[in-house]
N, C-alpha and C. Protein backbone atom coordinates (compact mmCIF):
# COMPACT_ATOMS: atom_id res chain seq x y z
N UNK A 1 0.85 -1.17 0.00
CA UNK A 1 0.00 0.00 0.00
C UNK A 1 0.90 1.24 0.00
N UNK A 2 0.47 2.22 -0.76
CA UNK A 2 1.24 3.45 -0.90
C UNK A 2 0.29 4.64 -0.72
N UNK A 3 0.77 5.69 -0.04
CA UNK A 3 -0.06 6.88 0.17
C UNK A 3 -0.28 7.62 -1.14
N UNK A 4 -1.47 8.15 -1.31
CA UNK A 4 -1.79 9.03 -2.42
C UNK A 4 -1.34 10.43 -1.99
N UNK A 5 -0.35 10.97 -2.66
CA UNK A 5 0.22 12.27 -2.27
C UNK A 5 -0.30 13.36 -3.20
N UNK A 6 -1.17 14.22 -2.67
CA UNK A 6 -1.66 15.38 -3.43
C UNK A 6 -0.68 16.54 -3.31
N UNK A 7 -0.05 16.65 -2.15
CA UNK A 7 0.90 17.73 -1.87
C UNK A 7 2.22 17.11 -1.46
N UNK A 8 3.30 17.56 -2.09
CA UNK A 8 4.62 17.03 -1.75
C UNK A 8 5.01 17.49 -0.35
N UNK A 9 6.03 16.88 0.19
CA UNK A 9 6.53 17.30 1.51
C UNK A 9 6.95 18.77 1.48
N UNK A 10 7.53 19.19 0.36
CA UNK A 10 7.95 20.58 0.22
C UNK A 10 6.75 21.52 0.21
N UNK A 11 5.67 21.11 -0.45
CA UNK A 11 4.47 21.94 -0.47
C UNK A 11 3.83 22.00 0.92
N UNK A 12 3.81 20.88 1.62
CA UNK A 12 3.29 20.87 2.99
C UNK A 12 4.09 21.83 3.85
N UNK A 13 5.41 21.81 3.71
CA UNK A 13 6.26 22.72 4.48
C UNK A 13 5.99 24.17 4.12
N UNK A 14 5.76 24.45 2.85
CA UNK A 14 5.47 25.81 2.38
C UNK A 14 4.19 26.33 3.04
N UNK A 15 3.15 25.49 3.09
CA UNK A 15 1.89 25.90 3.71
C UNK A 15 2.11 26.16 5.20
N UNK A 16 2.89 25.29 5.85
CA UNK A 16 3.18 25.51 7.28
C UNK A 16 3.90 26.83 7.48
N UNK A 17 4.89 27.11 6.64
CA UNK A 17 5.66 28.35 6.77
C UNK A 17 4.78 29.58 6.56
N UNK A 18 3.92 29.54 5.54
CA UNK A 18 3.01 30.66 5.30
C UNK A 18 2.15 30.91 6.53
N UNK A 19 1.64 29.85 7.10
CA UNK A 19 0.80 29.98 8.28
C UNK A 19 1.55 30.55 9.47
N UNK A 20 2.78 30.10 9.66
CA UNK A 20 3.57 30.59 10.78
C UNK A 20 3.95 32.06 10.60
N UNK A 21 4.32 32.43 9.39
CA UNK A 21 4.72 33.81 9.12
C UNK A 21 3.56 34.76 9.38
N UNK A 22 2.37 34.36 8.94
CA UNK A 22 1.21 35.25 9.04
C UNK A 22 0.29 34.87 10.20
N UNK A 23 0.78 34.08 11.11
CA UNK A 23 0.04 33.63 12.30
C UNK A 23 -1.37 33.17 11.99
N UNK A 24 -1.48 32.40 10.95
CA UNK A 24 -2.75 31.76 10.59
C UNK A 24 -2.54 30.26 10.79
N UNK A 25 -2.84 29.80 11.98
CA UNK A 25 -2.42 28.46 12.37
C UNK A 25 -3.24 27.33 11.78
N UNK A 26 -4.46 27.58 11.36
CA UNK A 26 -5.32 26.47 10.95
C UNK A 26 -4.77 25.67 9.75
N UNK A 27 -4.45 26.30 8.62
CA UNK A 27 -3.87 25.51 7.53
C UNK A 27 -2.53 24.88 7.93
N UNK A 28 -1.78 25.57 8.77
CA UNK A 28 -0.52 25.03 9.25
C UNK A 28 -0.74 23.78 10.09
N UNK A 29 -1.76 23.80 10.93
CA UNK A 29 -2.05 22.65 11.77
C UNK A 29 -2.46 21.44 10.93
N UNK A 30 -3.26 21.67 9.91
CA UNK A 30 -3.66 20.56 9.04
C UNK A 30 -2.43 20.01 8.32
N UNK A 31 -1.57 20.89 7.83
CA UNK A 31 -0.34 20.46 7.16
C UNK A 31 0.55 19.66 8.10
N UNK A 32 0.64 20.12 9.32
CA UNK A 32 1.46 19.43 10.33
C UNK A 32 0.94 18.00 10.55
N UNK A 33 -0.36 17.86 10.63
CA UNK A 33 -0.94 16.52 10.84
C UNK A 33 -0.69 15.61 9.64
N UNK A 34 -0.74 16.17 8.45
CA UNK A 34 -0.42 15.38 7.25
C UNK A 34 1.01 14.88 7.31
N UNK A 35 1.92 15.75 7.71
CA UNK A 35 3.33 15.36 7.82
C UNK A 35 3.50 14.25 8.86
N UNK A 36 2.83 14.37 10.00
CA UNK A 36 2.91 13.33 11.04
C UNK A 36 2.33 12.01 10.55
N UNK A 37 1.22 12.08 9.82
CA UNK A 37 0.61 10.86 9.29
C UNK A 37 1.56 10.17 8.31
N UNK A 38 2.26 10.94 7.51
CA UNK A 38 3.23 10.35 6.58
C UNK A 38 4.35 9.64 7.32
N UNK A 39 4.80 10.26 8.41
CA UNK A 39 5.85 9.63 9.21
C UNK A 39 5.35 8.34 9.85
N UNK A 40 4.14 8.36 10.37
CA UNK A 40 3.56 7.18 10.99
C UNK A 40 3.37 6.06 9.97
N UNK A 41 2.90 6.41 8.79
CA UNK A 41 2.69 5.42 7.73
C UNK A 41 4.03 4.79 7.32
N UNK A 42 5.04 5.61 7.17
CA UNK A 42 6.37 5.12 6.82
C UNK A 42 6.91 4.19 7.91
N UNK A 43 6.73 4.59 9.16
CA UNK A 43 7.19 3.79 10.28
C UNK A 43 6.52 2.42 10.27
N UNK A 44 5.22 2.41 10.06
CA UNK A 44 4.49 1.13 10.03
C UNK A 44 4.96 0.27 8.86
N UNK A 45 5.20 0.90 7.72
CA UNK A 45 5.71 0.17 6.57
C UNK A 45 7.05 -0.48 6.87
N UNK A 46 7.91 0.24 7.57
CA UNK A 46 9.21 -0.32 7.96
C UNK A 46 9.03 -1.51 8.90
N UNK A 47 8.08 -1.39 9.82
CA UNK A 47 7.82 -2.50 10.75
C UNK A 47 7.32 -3.73 10.00
N UNK A 48 6.47 -3.51 9.02
CA UNK A 48 5.90 -4.62 8.25
C UNK A 48 6.97 -5.32 7.43
N UNK A 49 7.82 -4.54 6.78
CA UNK A 49 8.81 -5.13 5.86
C UNK A 49 10.06 -5.64 6.55
N UNK A 50 10.36 -5.14 7.75
CA UNK A 50 11.61 -5.54 8.40
C UNK A 50 11.55 -6.96 8.95
N UNK A 51 10.34 -7.39 9.31
CA UNK A 51 10.21 -8.73 9.87
C UNK A 51 10.77 -8.86 11.28
N UNK A 52 11.24 -7.74 11.84
CA UNK A 52 11.83 -7.78 13.18
C UNK A 52 10.86 -7.28 14.24
N UNK A 53 9.61 -7.10 13.86
CA UNK A 53 8.62 -6.55 14.77
C UNK A 53 8.35 -7.48 15.94
N UNK A 54 8.23 -6.88 17.11
CA UNK A 54 7.85 -7.65 18.29
C UNK A 54 6.34 -7.89 18.30
N UNK A 55 5.62 -7.11 17.52
CA UNK A 55 4.17 -7.26 17.43
C UNK A 55 3.82 -8.06 16.18
N UNK A 56 2.65 -8.60 16.19
CA UNK A 56 2.11 -9.29 15.03
C UNK A 56 2.07 -8.31 13.85
N UNK A 57 2.41 -8.76 12.66
CA UNK A 57 2.38 -7.91 11.47
C UNK A 57 1.00 -7.32 11.26
N UNK A 58 -0.02 -8.05 11.62
CA UNK A 58 -1.40 -7.56 11.45
C UNK A 58 -1.61 -6.26 12.22
N UNK A 59 -0.99 -6.11 13.37
CA UNK A 59 -1.09 -4.87 14.14
C UNK A 59 -0.61 -3.69 13.31
N UNK A 60 0.53 -3.85 12.66
CA UNK A 60 1.09 -2.77 11.84
C UNK A 60 0.25 -2.52 10.60
N UNK A 61 -0.31 -3.57 10.05
CA UNK A 61 -1.19 -3.41 8.89
C UNK A 61 -2.44 -2.62 9.26
N UNK A 62 -2.99 -2.90 10.44
CA UNK A 62 -4.17 -2.15 10.90
C UNK A 62 -3.85 -0.68 11.10
N UNK A 63 -2.71 -0.40 11.70
CA UNK A 63 -2.30 0.99 11.92
C UNK A 63 -2.04 1.68 10.59
N UNK A 64 -1.38 0.99 9.68
CA UNK A 64 -1.09 1.57 8.36
C UNK A 64 -2.38 1.87 7.60
N UNK A 65 -3.34 0.98 7.65
CA UNK A 65 -4.61 1.18 6.95
C UNK A 65 -5.36 2.39 7.53
N UNK A 66 -5.41 2.49 8.85
CA UNK A 66 -6.07 3.64 9.47
C UNK A 66 -5.35 4.94 9.13
N UNK A 67 -4.03 4.88 9.11
CA UNK A 67 -3.23 6.06 8.76
C UNK A 67 -3.46 6.46 7.32
N UNK A 68 -3.56 5.48 6.44
CA UNK A 68 -3.85 5.72 5.03
C UNK A 68 -5.17 6.49 4.88
N UNK A 69 -6.21 6.02 5.58
CA UNK A 69 -7.52 6.67 5.48
C UNK A 69 -7.48 8.07 6.08
N UNK A 70 -6.82 8.22 7.22
CA UNK A 70 -6.72 9.54 7.86
C UNK A 70 -5.96 10.52 6.97
N UNK A 71 -4.92 10.04 6.30
CA UNK A 71 -4.14 10.88 5.39
C UNK A 71 -5.00 11.38 4.24
N UNK A 72 -5.82 10.51 3.68
CA UNK A 72 -6.73 10.90 2.61
C UNK A 72 -7.69 12.00 3.08
N UNK A 73 -8.25 11.80 4.26
CA UNK A 73 -9.21 12.77 4.81
C UNK A 73 -8.53 14.12 5.05
N UNK A 74 -7.35 14.11 5.63
CA UNK A 74 -6.67 15.36 5.95
C UNK A 74 -6.17 16.08 4.69
N UNK A 75 -5.74 15.33 3.69
CA UNK A 75 -5.35 15.98 2.43
C UNK A 75 -6.55 16.67 1.79
N UNK A 76 -7.70 16.00 1.82
CA UNK A 76 -8.91 16.61 1.26
C UNK A 76 -9.31 17.84 2.07
N UNK A 77 -9.18 17.75 3.38
CA UNK A 77 -9.46 18.89 4.25
C UNK A 77 -8.56 20.07 3.88
N UNK A 78 -7.27 19.80 3.71
CA UNK A 78 -6.34 20.87 3.36
C UNK A 78 -6.72 21.50 2.03
N UNK A 79 -7.03 20.69 1.05
CA UNK A 79 -7.43 21.22 -0.25
C UNK A 79 -8.69 22.08 -0.12
N UNK A 80 -9.67 21.60 0.63
CA UNK A 80 -10.90 22.36 0.83
C UNK A 80 -10.63 23.70 1.50
N UNK A 81 -9.76 23.71 2.51
CA UNK A 81 -9.42 24.95 3.22
C UNK A 81 -8.70 25.92 2.28
N UNK A 82 -7.74 25.43 1.53
CA UNK A 82 -6.98 26.30 0.62
C UNK A 82 -7.90 26.92 -0.43
N UNK A 83 -8.81 26.12 -0.95
CA UNK A 83 -9.76 26.64 -1.94
C UNK A 83 -10.69 27.65 -1.28
N UNK A 84 -11.21 27.32 -0.12
CA UNK A 84 -12.13 28.22 0.60
C UNK A 84 -11.46 29.56 0.91
N UNK A 85 -10.22 29.52 1.35
CA UNK A 85 -9.51 30.75 1.70
C UNK A 85 -8.88 31.43 0.50
N UNK A 86 -9.00 30.82 -0.67
CA UNK A 86 -8.49 31.37 -1.94
C UNK A 86 -6.97 31.49 -1.99
N UNK A 87 -6.30 30.45 -1.47
CA UNK A 87 -4.85 30.39 -1.60
C UNK A 87 -4.52 30.17 -3.08
N UNK A 88 -3.34 30.60 -3.49
CA UNK A 88 -2.84 30.31 -4.83
C UNK A 88 -2.43 28.84 -4.84
N UNK A 89 -3.15 28.00 -5.57
CA UNK A 89 -2.89 26.56 -5.54
C UNK A 89 -1.62 26.16 -6.29
N UNK A 90 -1.08 27.05 -7.10
CA UNK A 90 0.18 26.75 -7.78
C UNK A 90 1.38 27.10 -6.92
N UNK A 91 1.36 28.28 -6.32
CA UNK A 91 2.50 28.72 -5.50
C UNK A 91 2.32 28.38 -4.03
N UNK A 92 1.07 28.12 -3.64
CA UNK A 92 0.68 27.89 -2.25
C UNK A 92 0.99 29.08 -1.36
N UNK A 93 0.86 30.26 -1.95
CA UNK A 93 0.97 31.50 -1.18
C UNK A 93 -0.39 31.82 -0.58
N UNK A 94 -0.36 32.30 0.65
CA UNK A 94 -1.58 32.74 1.31
C UNK A 94 -2.11 33.96 0.56
N UNK A 95 -3.42 34.08 0.41
CA UNK A 95 -3.96 35.23 -0.31
C UNK A 95 -3.65 36.54 0.41
N UNK A 96 -3.39 37.56 -0.38
CA UNK A 96 -3.02 38.87 0.16
C UNK A 96 -4.08 39.41 1.11
N UNK A 97 -5.35 39.25 0.77
CA UNK A 97 -6.43 39.74 1.63
C UNK A 97 -6.40 39.12 3.01
N UNK A 98 -6.07 37.84 3.09
CA UNK A 98 -5.98 37.17 4.37
C UNK A 98 -4.77 37.66 5.15
N UNK A 99 -3.68 37.92 4.44
CA UNK A 99 -2.49 38.47 5.09
C UNK A 99 -2.79 39.83 5.70
N UNK A 100 -3.48 40.69 4.92
CA UNK A 100 -3.80 42.03 5.40
C UNK A 100 -4.73 41.96 6.60
N UNK A 101 -5.71 41.07 6.56
CA UNK A 101 -6.64 40.93 7.67
C UNK A 101 -5.90 40.52 8.95
N UNK A 102 -4.95 39.61 8.79
CA UNK A 102 -4.18 39.17 9.95
C UNK A 102 -3.26 40.27 10.46
N UNK A 103 -2.66 41.03 9.53
CA UNK A 103 -1.81 42.15 9.92
C UNK A 103 -2.60 43.19 10.72
N UNK A 104 -3.83 43.48 10.27
CA UNK A 104 -4.68 44.44 10.98
C UNK A 104 -5.04 43.94 12.37
N UNK A 105 -5.34 42.68 12.46
CA UNK A 105 -5.70 42.10 13.76
C UNK A 105 -4.52 42.18 14.73
N UNK A 106 -3.32 41.94 14.22
CA UNK A 106 -2.13 41.98 15.08
C UNK A 106 -1.79 43.39 15.52
N UNK A 107 -2.11 44.37 14.69
CA UNK A 107 -1.75 45.75 15.02
C UNK A 107 -2.73 46.39 16.01
N UNK A 108 -3.82 45.72 16.30
CA UNK A 108 -4.82 46.31 17.23
C UNK A 108 -4.41 46.13 18.66
């Protein structure tokens, strides 16, 4: 089983950075969870293929399957949020209007 990757690791990092720079944590939080899910999925894959697991392989398969489904859900969530907030889907830059709104909120 292999994860369906809509956003590369570099793109996920770009979204996180945009969120941190402009203190808009929600897209960053979703991106962060996607990154963690990828790490968990990779870890489970290593456990399955190494054959050195102390646990039954089925345990790792169950975790990997749940992680696979969660990854799909969170990627779709991220896409929905980016579209809703009108991010540039090619550059993954936060929209200027959202940046200005956040800047105004911080200056108050």
